[in-house]
């Protein structure tokens, strides 16, 4: 999982830009929470500075901080719905 400290990235699904993330956002949680392969490609559109969080540390954090777990779960559900919509379009 990655946290964008500074910069902007595009979210690419099947070669099409479907969104953009910037400073303060994160990505990669779908693979960690859903134990699924990645659903998108992320491409930097500006110089970026990021933090990386490994699965074992991620699991410890969400087990100990229910507010973080809840927020990430909500974003996970929203993003999975978007993935499903993208699949149905193509």
PDB file of N, CA and C in Angstrom:
ATOM      1  N   UNK A   1       0.861  -1.167   0.000  1.00  0.00           N
ATOM      2  CA  UNK A   1       0.000   0.000   0.000  1.00  0.00           C
ATOM      3  C   UNK A   1       0.901   1.222   0.000  1.00  0.00           C
ATOM      4  N   UNK A   2       0.481   2.259  -0.716  1.00  0.00           N
ATOM      5  CA  UNK A   2       1.276   3.476  -0.827  1.00  0.00           C
ATOM      6  C   UNK A   2       0.455   4.698  -0.409  1.00  0.00           C
ATOM      7  N   UNK A   3       1.133   5.625   0.258  1.00  0.00           N
ATOM      8  CA  UNK A   3       0.542   6.895   0.661  1.00  0.00           C
ATOM      9  C   UNK A   3       1.273   7.999  -0.089  1.00  0.00           C
ATOM     10  N   UNK A   4       0.524   8.855  -0.762  1.00  0.00           N
ATOM     11  CA  UNK A   4       1.132   9.936  -1.526  1.00  0.00           C
ATOM     12  C   UNK A   4       1.369  11.121  -0.597  1.00  0.00           C
ATOM     13  N   UNK A   5       2.630  11.421  -0.364  1.00  0.00           N
ATOM     14  CA  UNK A   5       2.993  12.548   0.476  1.00  0.00           C
ATOM     15  C   UNK A   5       2.955  13.822  -0.360  1.00  0.00           C
ATOM     16  N   UNK A   6       3.468  13.700  -1.565  1.00  0.00           N
ATOM     17  CA  UNK A   6       3.493  14.852  -2.474  1.00  0.00           C
ATOM     18  C   UNK A   6       3.428  14.334  -3.895  1.00  0.00           C
ATOM     19  N   UNK A   7       2.654  15.000  -4.729  1.00  0.00           N
ATOM     20  CA  UNK A   7       2.579  14.633  -6.137  1.00  0.00           C
ATOM     21  C   UNK A   7       1.192  14.209  -6.564  1.00  0.00           C
ATOM     22  N   UNK A   8       1.112  13.793  -7.816  1.00  0.00           N
ATOM     23  CA  UNK A   8      -0.156  13.393  -8.423  1.00  0.00           C
ATOM     24  C   UNK A   8       0.069  12.146  -9.271  1.00  0.00           C
ATOM     25  N   UNK A   9      -0.905  11.222  -9.230  1.00  0.00           N
ATOM     26  CA  UNK A   9      -0.835  10.005 -10.034  1.00  0.00           C
ATOM     27  C   UNK A   9      -2.159   9.791 -10.760  1.00  0.00           C
ATOM     28  N   UNK A  10      -2.076   9.138 -11.908  1.00  0.00           N
ATOM     29  CA  UNK A  10      -3.278   8.715 -12.627  1.00  0.00           C
ATOM     30  C   UNK A  10      -3.592   7.276 -12.252  1.00  0.00           C
ATOM     31  N   UNK A  11      -4.879   6.951 -12.240  1.00  0.00           N
ATOM     32  CA  UNK A  11      -5.348   5.583 -12.044  1.00  0.00           C
ATOM     33  C   UNK A  11      -5.745   5.082 -13.425  1.00  0.00           C
ATOM     34  N   UNK A  12      -5.125   3.994 -13.866  1.00  0.00           N
ATOM     35  CA  UNK A  12      -5.343   3.485 -15.214  1.00  0.00           C
ATOM     36  C   UNK A  12      -5.910   2.073 -15.137  1.00  0.00           C
ATOM     37  N   UNK A  13      -7.037   1.866 -15.803  1.00  0.00           N
ATOM     38  CA  UNK A  13      -7.663   0.553 -15.887  1.00  0.00           C
ATOM     39  C   UNK A  13      -7.831   0.217 -17.357  1.00  0.00           C
ATOM     40  N   UNK A  14      -7.248  -0.897 -17.761  1.00  0.00           N
ATOM     41  CA  UNK A  14      -7.322  -1.353 -19.158  1.00  0.00           C
ATOM     42  C   UNK A  14      -6.911  -0.259 -20.127  1.00  0.00           C
ATOM     43  N   UNK A  15      -5.851   0.455 -19.790  1.00  0.00           N
ATOM     44  CA  UNK A  15      -5.297   1.475 -20.671  1.00  0.00           C
ATOM     45  C   UNK A  15      -6.003   2.816 -20.647  1.00  0.00           C
ATOM     46  N   UNK A  16      -7.044   2.950 -19.841  1.00  0.00           N
ATOM     47  CA  UNK A  16      -7.829   4.186 -19.784  1.00  0.00           C
ATOM     48  C   UNK A  16      -7.670   4.860 -18.413  1.00  0.00           C
ATOM     49  N   UNK A  17      -7.400   6.160 -18.409  1.00  0.00           N
ATOM     50  CA  UNK A  17      -7.309   6.897 -17.158  1.00  0.00           C
ATOM     51  C   UNK A  17      -8.727   7.043 -16.592  1.00  0.00           C
ATOM     52  N   UNK A  18      -8.930   6.497 -15.392  1.00  0.00           N
ATOM     53  CA  UNK A  18     -10.268   6.522 -14.779  1.00  0.00           C
ATOM     54  C   UNK A  18     -10.324   7.411 -13.544  1.00  0.00           C
ATOM     55  N   UNK A  19      -9.184   7.963 -13.157  1.00  0.00           N
ATOM     56  CA  UNK A  19      -9.166   8.833 -11.986  1.00  0.00           C
ATOM     57  C   UNK A  19      -7.776   9.352 -11.714  1.00  0.00           C
ATOM     58  N   UNK A  20      -7.696  10.165 -10.682  1.00  0.00           N
ATOM     59  CA  UNK A  20      -6.428  10.761 -10.300  1.00  0.00           C
ATOM     60  C   UNK A  20      -6.388  10.871  -8.780  1.00  0.00           C
ATOM     61  N   UNK A  21      -5.203  10.673  -8.218  1.00  0.00           N
ATOM     62  CA  UNK A  21      -4.999  10.818  -6.785  1.00  0.00           C
ATOM     63  C   UNK A  21      -3.885  11.826  -6.566  1.00  0.00           C
ATOM     64  N   UNK A  22      -3.965  12.553  -5.445  1.00  0.00           N
ATOM     65  CA  UNK A  22      -2.925  13.529  -5.146  1.00  0.00           C
ATOM     66  C   UNK A  22      -2.518  13.453  -3.685  1.00  0.00           C
ATOM     67  N   UNK A  23      -1.673  14.376  -3.291  1.00  0.00           N
ATOM     68  CA  UNK A  23      -1.123  14.389  -1.934  1.00  0.00           C
ATOM     69  C   UNK A  23      -2.213  14.095  -0.901  1.00  0.00           C
ATOM     70  N   UNK A  24      -1.906  13.179   0.022  1.00  0.00           N
ATOM     71  CA  UNK A  24      -2.848  12.806   1.071  1.00  0.00           C
ATOM     72  C   UNK A  24      -3.652  11.554   0.756  1.00  0.00           C
ATOM     73  N   UNK A  25      -3.650  11.135  -0.497  1.00  0.00           N
ATOM     74  CA  UNK A  25      -4.412   9.945  -0.898  1.00  0.00           C
ATOM     75  C   UNK A  25      -3.539   8.699  -0.746  1.00  0.00           C
ATOM     76  N   UNK A  26      -4.169   7.545  -0.893  1.00  0.00           N
ATOM     77  CA  UNK A  26      -3.437   6.286  -0.843  1.00  0.00           C
ATOM     78  C   UNK A  26      -4.011   5.327  -1.859  1.00  0.00           C
ATOM     79  N   UNK A  27      -3.237   4.307  -2.186  1.00  0.00           N
ATOM     80  CA  UNK A  27      -3.691   3.263  -3.101  1.00  0.00           C
ATOM     81  C   UNK A  27      -3.000   1.956  -2.741  1.00  0.00           C
ATOM     82  N   UNK A  28      -3.545   0.863  -3.253  1.00  0.00           N
ATOM     83  CA  UNK A  28      -2.984  -0.453  -2.982  1.00  0.00           C
ATOM     84  C   UNK A  28      -3.710  -1.205  -1.885  1.00  0.00           C
ATOM     85  N   UNK A  29      -4.694  -0.559  -1.279  1.00  0.00           N
ATOM     86  CA  UNK A  29      -5.420  -1.202  -0.179  1.00  0.00           C
ATOM     87  C   UNK A  29      -6.332  -2.314  -0.665  1.00  0.00           C
ATOM     88  N   UNK A  30      -6.760  -2.262  -1.921  1.00  0.00           N
ATOM     89  CA  UNK A  30      -7.645  -3.310  -2.440  1.00  0.00           C
ATOM     90  C   UNK A  30      -6.946  -4.662  -2.404  1.00  0.00           C
ATOM     91  N   UNK A  31      -5.706  -4.692  -2.834  1.00  0.00           N
ATOM     92  CA  UNK A  31      -4.955  -5.949  -2.832  1.00  0.00           C
ATOM     93  C   UNK A  31      -4.731  -6.439  -1.404  1.00  0.00           C
ATOM     94  N   UNK A  32      -4.489  -5.516  -0.478  1.00  0.00           N
ATOM     95  CA  UNK A  32      -4.233  -5.912   0.904  1.00  0.00           C
ATOM     96  C   UNK A  32      -5.494  -6.384   1.610  1.00  0.00           C
ATOM     97  N   UNK A  33      -6.568  -5.632   1.478  1.00  0.00           N
ATOM     98  CA  UNK A  33      -7.813  -5.991   2.177  1.00  0.00           C
ATOM     99  C   UNK A  33      -8.542  -7.142   1.509  1.00  0.00           C
ATOM    100  N   UNK A  34      -8.588  -7.114   0.188  1.00  0.00           N
ATOM    101  CA  UNK A  34      -9.352  -8.122  -0.534  1.00  0.00           C
ATOM    102  C   UNK A  34      -8.555  -9.355  -0.893  1.00  0.00           C
ATOM    103  N   UNK A  35      -7.227  -9.304  -0.625  1.00  0.00           N
ATOM    104  CA  UNK A  35      -6.344 -10.398  -0.995  1.00  0.00           C
ATOM    105  C   UNK A  35      -6.549 -10.783  -2.460  1.00  0.00           C
ATOM    106  N   UNK A  36      -6.568  -9.750  -3.303  1.00  0.00           N
ATOM    107  CA  UNK A  36      -6.795  -9.920  -4.737  1.00  0.00           C
ATOM    108  C   UNK A  36      -5.646  -9.272  -5.508  1.00  0.00           C
ATOM    109  N   UNK A  37      -5.470  -9.672  -6.774  1.00  0.00           N
ATOM    110  CA  UNK A  37      -4.454  -9.001  -7.582  1.00  0.00           C
ATOM    111  C   UNK A  37      -4.821  -7.537  -7.787  1.00  0.00           C
ATOM    112  N   UNK A  38      -3.847  -6.732  -8.130  1.00  0.00           N
ATOM    113  CA  UNK A  38      -4.121  -5.314  -8.326  1.00  0.00           C
ATOM    114  C   UNK A  38      -5.184  -5.117  -9.395  1.00  0.00           C
ATOM    115  N   UNK A  39      -5.970  -4.089  -9.246  1.00  0.00           N
ATOM    116  CA  UNK A  39      -7.084  -3.826 -10.154  1.00  0.00           C
ATOM    117  C   UNK A  39      -6.808  -2.659 -11.088  1.00  0.00           C
ATOM    118  N   UNK A  40      -5.694  -1.961 -10.872  1.00  0.00           N
ATOM    119  CA  UNK A  40      -5.377  -0.799 -11.694  1.00  0.00           C
ATOM    120  C   UNK A  40      -3.868  -0.601 -11.729  1.00  0.00           C
ATOM    121  N   UNK A  41      -3.451   0.196 -12.685  1.00  0.00           N
ATOM    122  CA  UNK A  41      -2.063   0.638 -12.769  1.00  0.00           C
ATOM    123  C   UNK A  41      -2.028   2.082 -12.305  1.00  0.00           C
ATOM    124  N   UNK A  42      -1.007   2.426 -11.558  1.00  0.00           N
ATOM    125  CA  UNK A  42      -0.841   3.797 -11.083  1.00  0.00           C
ATOM    126  C   UNK A  42       0.374   4.381 -11.788  1.00  0.00           C
ATOM    127  N   UNK A  43       0.200   5.565 -12.357  1.00  0.00           N
ATOM    128  CA  UNK A  43       1.287   6.215 -13.081  1.00  0.00           C
ATOM    129  C   UNK A  43       1.440   7.649 -12.576  1.00  0.00           C
ATOM    130  N   UNK A  44       2.654   7.987 -12.152  1.00  0.00           N
ATOM    131  CA  UNK A  44       2.918   9.342 -11.659  1.00  0.00           C
ATOM    132  C   UNK A  44       2.786  10.342 -12.808  1.00  0.00           C
ATOM    133  N   UNK A  45       2.112  11.447 -12.533  1.00  0.00           N
ATOM    134  CA  UNK A  45       1.987  12.519 -13.522  1.00  0.00           C
ATOM    135  C   UNK A  45       2.813  13.728 -13.115  1.00  0.00           C
ATOM    136  N   UNK A  46       3.430  13.632 -11.943  1.00  0.00           N
ATOM    137  CA  UNK A  46       4.358  14.652 -11.457  1.00  0.00           C
ATOM    138  C   UNK A  46       5.350  13.944 -10.543  1.00  0.00           C
ATOM    139  N   UNK A  47       6.381  14.642 -10.146  1.00  0.00           N
ATOM    140  CA  UNK A  47       7.320  14.057  -9.188  1.00  0.00           C
ATOM    141  C   UNK A  47       6.556  13.729  -7.908  1.00  0.00           C
ATOM    142  N   UNK A  48       6.772  12.531  -7.384  1.00  0.00           N
ATOM    143  CA  UNK A  48       6.020  12.083  -6.211  1.00  0.00           C
ATOM    144  C   UNK A  48       6.953  11.660  -5.095  1.00  0.00           C
ATOM    145  N   UNK A  49       6.479  11.858  -3.890  1.00  0.00           N
ATOM    146  CA  UNK A  49       7.113  11.335  -2.693  1.00  0.00           C
ATOM    147  C   UNK A  49       6.048  10.488  -2.006  1.00  0.00           C
ATOM    148  N   UNK A  50       6.397   9.227  -1.684  1.00  0.00           N
ATOM    149  CA  UNK A  50       5.414   8.311  -1.113  1.00  0.00           C
ATOM    150  C   UNK A  50       5.994   7.517   0.037  1.00  0.00           C
ATOM    151  N   UNK A  51       5.091   7.022   0.853  1.00  0.00           N
ATOM    152  CA  UNK A  51       5.441   6.046   1.876  1.00  0.00           C
ATOM    153  C   UNK A  51       4.853   4.713   1.450  1.00  0.00           C
ATOM    154  N   UNK A  52       5.587   3.637   1.712  1.00  0.00           N
ATOM    155  CA  UNK A  52       5.100   2.293   1.409  1.00  0.00           C
ATOM    156  C   UNK A  52       4.813   1.576   2.722  1.00  0.00           C
ATOM    157  N   UNK A  53       3.699   0.859   2.762  1.00  0.00           N
ATOM    158  CA  UNK A  53       3.307   0.104   3.947  1.00  0.00           C
ATOM    159  C   UNK A  53       3.141  -1.354   3.549  1.00  0.00           C
ATOM    160  N   UNK A  54       3.904  -2.225   4.173  1.00  0.00           N
ATOM    161  CA  UNK A  54       3.835  -3.652   3.872  1.00  0.00           C
ATOM    162  C   UNK A  54       2.612  -4.289   4.526  1.00  0.00           C
ATOM    163  N   UNK A  55       2.175  -5.404   3.957  1.00  0.00           N
ATOM    164  CA  UNK A  55       0.962  -6.088   4.413  1.00  0.00           C
ATOM    165  C   UNK A  55       0.993  -6.402   5.911  1.00  0.00           C
ATOM    166  N   UNK A  56       2.083  -6.955   6.409  1.00  0.00           N
ATOM    167  CA  UNK A  56       2.123  -7.342   7.827  1.00  0.00           C
ATOM    168  C   UNK A  56       1.949  -6.130   8.740  1.00  0.00           C
ATOM    169  N   UNK A  57       2.526  -5.009   8.388  1.00  0.00           N
ATOM    170  CA  UNK A  57       2.377  -3.794   9.182  1.00  0.00           C
ATOM    171  C   UNK A  57       0.973  -3.206   9.025  1.00  0.00           C
ATOM    172  N   UNK A  58       0.464  -3.272   7.811  1.00  0.00           N
ATOM    173  CA  UNK A  58      -0.893  -2.801   7.536  1.00  0.00           C
ATOM    174  C   UNK A  58      -1.897  -3.540   8.417  1.00  0.00           C
ATOM    175  N   UNK A  59      -1.777  -4.869   8.487  1.00  0.00           N
ATOM    176  CA  UNK A  59      -2.718  -5.670   9.260  1.00  0.00           C
ATOM    177  C   UNK A  59      -2.632  -5.339  10.754  1.00  0.00           C
ATOM    178  N   UNK A  60      -1.429  -5.101  11.248  1.00  0.00           N
ATOM    179  CA  UNK A  60      -1.280  -4.719  12.658  1.00  0.00           C
ATOM    180  C   UNK A  60      -1.949  -3.379  12.939  1.00  0.00           C
ATOM    181  N   UNK A  61      -1.788  -2.447  12.034  1.00  0.00           N
ATOM    182  CA  UNK A  61      -2.374  -1.117  12.222  1.00  0.00           C
ATOM    183  C   UNK A  61      -3.891  -1.193  12.244  1.00  0.00           C
ATOM    184  N   UNK A  62      -4.489  -1.851  11.235  1.00  0.00           N
ATOM    185  CA  UNK A  62      -5.956  -1.860  11.199  1.00  0.00           C
ATOM    186  C   UNK A  62      -6.557  -2.686  12.322  1.00  0.00           C
ATOM    187  N   UNK A  63      -5.805  -3.654  12.840  1.00  0.00           N
ATOM    188  CA  UNK A  63      -6.304  -4.415  13.997  1.00  0.00           C
ATOM    189  C   UNK A  63      -6.295  -3.583  15.264  1.00  0.00           C
ATOM    190  N   UNK A  64      -5.379  -2.625  15.364  1.00  0.00           N
ATOM    191  CA  UNK A  64      -5.239  -1.820  16.579  1.00  0.00           C
ATOM    192  C   UNK A  64      -5.959  -0.479  16.532  1.00  0.00           C
ATOM    193  N   UNK A  65      -6.358  -0.036  15.358  1.00  0.00           N
ATOM    194  CA  UNK A  65      -6.990   1.272  15.230  1.00  0.00           C
ATOM    195  C   UNK A  65      -8.292   1.131  14.449  1.00  0.00           C
ATOM    196  N   UNK A  66      -9.380   0.983  15.179  1.00  0.00           N
ATOM    197  CA  UNK A  66     -10.674   0.731  14.542  1.00  0.00           C
ATOM    198  C   UNK A  66     -11.112   1.883  13.639  1.00  0.00           C
ATOM    199  N   UNK A  67     -10.737   3.120  13.971  1.00  0.00           N
ATOM    200  CA  UNK A  67     -11.125   4.241  13.117  1.00  0.00           C
ATOM    201  C   UNK A  67     -10.427   4.183  11.764  1.00  0.00           C
ATOM    202  N   UNK A  68      -9.171   3.789  11.764  1.00  0.00           N
ATOM    203  CA  UNK A  68      -8.431   3.634  10.501  1.00  0.00           C
ATOM    204  C   UNK A  68      -9.025   2.479   9.707  1.00  0.00           C
ATOM    205  N   UNK A  69      -9.309   1.380  10.394  1.00  0.00           N
ATOM    206  CA  UNK A  69      -9.888   0.205   9.733  1.00  0.00           C
ATOM    207  C   UNK A  69     -11.231   0.563   9.086  1.00  0.00           C
ATOM    208  N   UNK A  70     -12.057   1.310   9.801  1.00  0.00           N
ATOM    209  CA  UNK A  70     -13.364   1.699   9.280  1.00  0.00           C
ATOM    210  C   UNK A  70     -13.214   2.582   8.038  1.00  0.00           C
ATOM    211  N   UNK A  71     -12.339   3.581   8.101  1.00  0.00           N
ATOM    212  CA  UNK A  71     -12.148   4.492   6.961  1.00  0.00           C
ATOM    213  C   UNK A  71     -11.625   3.741   5.741  1.00  0.00           C
ATOM    214  N   UNK A  72     -10.664   2.891   5.946  1.00  0.00           N
ATOM    215  CA  UNK A  72     -10.099   2.141   4.827  1.00  0.00           C
ATOM    216  C   UNK A  72     -11.132   1.169   4.275  1.00  0.00           C
ATOM    217  N   UNK A  73     -11.937   0.565   5.139  1.00  0.00           N
ATOM    218  CA  UNK A  73     -12.985  -0.349   4.674  1.00  0.00           C
ATOM    219  C   UNK A  73     -14.011   0.391   3.810  1.00  0.00           C
ATOM    220  N   UNK A  74     -14.386   1.603   4.204  1.00  0.00           N
ATOM    221  CA  UNK A  74     -15.333   2.394   3.412  1.00  0.00           C
ATOM    222  C   UNK A  74     -14.746   2.732   2.032  1.00  0.00           C
ATOM    223  N   UNK A  75     -13.505   3.141   2.015  1.00  0.00           N
ATOM    224  CA  UNK A  75     -12.854   3.461   0.738  1.00  0.00           C
ATOM    225  C   UNK A  75     -12.698   2.201  -0.101  1.00  0.00           C
ATOM    226  N   UNK A  76     -12.371   1.078   0.538  1.00  0.00           N
ATOM    227  CA  UNK A  76     -12.272  -0.202  -0.153  1.00  0.00           C
ATOM    228  C   UNK A  76     -13.584  -0.535  -0.855  1.00  0.00           C
ATOM    229  N   UNK A  77     -14.684  -0.404  -0.143  1.00  0.00           N
ATOM    230  CA  UNK A  77     -15.991  -0.717  -0.732  1.00  0.00           C
ATOM    231  C   UNK A  77     -16.326   0.208  -1.894  1.00  0.00           C
ATOM    232  N   UNK A  78     -16.053   1.499  -1.746  1.00  0.00           N
ATOM    233  CA  UNK A  78     -16.304   2.450  -2.831  1.00  0.00           C
ATOM    234  C   UNK A  78     -15.479   2.100  -4.065  1.00  0.00           C
ATOM    235  N   UNK A  79     -14.212   1.794  -3.848  1.00  0.00           N
ATOM    236  CA  UNK A  79     -13.331   1.494  -4.978  1.00  0.00           C
ATOM    237  C   UNK A  79     -13.691   0.168  -5.631  1.00  0.00           C
ATOM    238  N   UNK A  80     -14.113  -0.817  -4.849  1.00  0.00           N
ATOM    239  CA  UNK A  80     -14.531  -2.096  -5.434  1.00  0.00           C
ATOM    240  C   UNK A  80     -15.780  -1.911  -6.283  1.00  0.00           C
ATOM    241  N   UNK A  81     -16.696  -1.050  -5.853  1.00  0.00           N
ATOM    242  CA  UNK A  81     -17.875  -0.761  -6.666  1.00  0.00           C
ATOM    243  C   UNK A  81     -17.467  -0.121  -7.986  1.00  0.00           C
ATOM    244  N   UNK A  82     -16.498   0.772  -7.928  1.00  0.00           N
ATOM    245  CA  UNK A  82     -16.006   1.419  -9.145  1.00  0.00           C
ATOM    246  C   UNK A  82     -15.351   0.392 -10.071  1.00  0.00           C
ATOM    247  N   UNK A  83     -14.584  -0.525  -9.497  1.00  0.00           N
ATOM    248  CA  UNK A  83     -13.953  -1.585 -10.295  1.00  0.00           C
ATOM    249  C   UNK A  83     -15.020  -2.411 -10.993  1.00  0.00           C
ATOM    250  N   UNK A  84     -16.072  -2.761 -10.265  1.00  0.00           N
ATOM    251  CA  UNK A  84     -17.159  -3.557 -10.855  1.00  0.00           C
ATOM    252  C   UNK A  84     -17.862  -2.795 -11.975  1.00  0.00           C
ATOM    253  N   UNK A  85     -18.069  -1.488 -11.785  1.00  0.00           N
ATOM    254  CA  UNK A  85     -18.684  -0.681 -12.844  1.00  0.00           C
ATOM    255  C   UNK A  85     -17.796  -0.644 -14.085  1.00  0.00           C
ATOM    256  N   UNK A  86     -16.504  -0.499 -13.887  1.00  0.00           N
ATOM    257  CA  UNK A  86     -15.559  -0.462 -15.010  1.00  0.00           C
ATOM    258  C   UNK A  86     -15.596  -1.782 -15.768  1.00  0.00           C
ATOM    259  N   UNK A  87     -15.677  -2.887 -15.047  1.00  0.00           N
ATOM    260  CA  UNK A  87     -15.735  -4.201 -15.684  1.00  0.00           C
ATOM    261  C   UNK A  87     -16.991  -4.346 -16.527  1.00  0.00           C
ATOM    262  N   UNK A  88     -18.118  -3.844 -16.028  1.00  0.00           N
ATOM    263  CA  UNK A  88     -19.390  -4.002 -16.745  1.00  0.00           C
ATOM    264  C   UNK A  88     -19.460  -3.127 -17.998  1.00  0.00           C
ATOM    265  N   UNK A  89     -18.688  -2.048 -18.029  1.00  0.00           N
ATOM    266  CA  UNK A  89     -18.672  -1.169 -19.194  1.00  0.00           C
ATOM    267  C   UNK A  89     -17.936  -1.824 -20.358  1.00  0.00           C
ATOM    268  N   UNK A  90     -16.934  -2.621 -20.033  1.00  0.00           N
ATOM    269  CA  UNK A  90     -16.094  -3.188 -21.103  1.00  0.00           C
ATOM    270  C   UNK A  90     -16.425  -4.590 -21.385  1.00  0.00           C
TER     271      UNK A  90
END
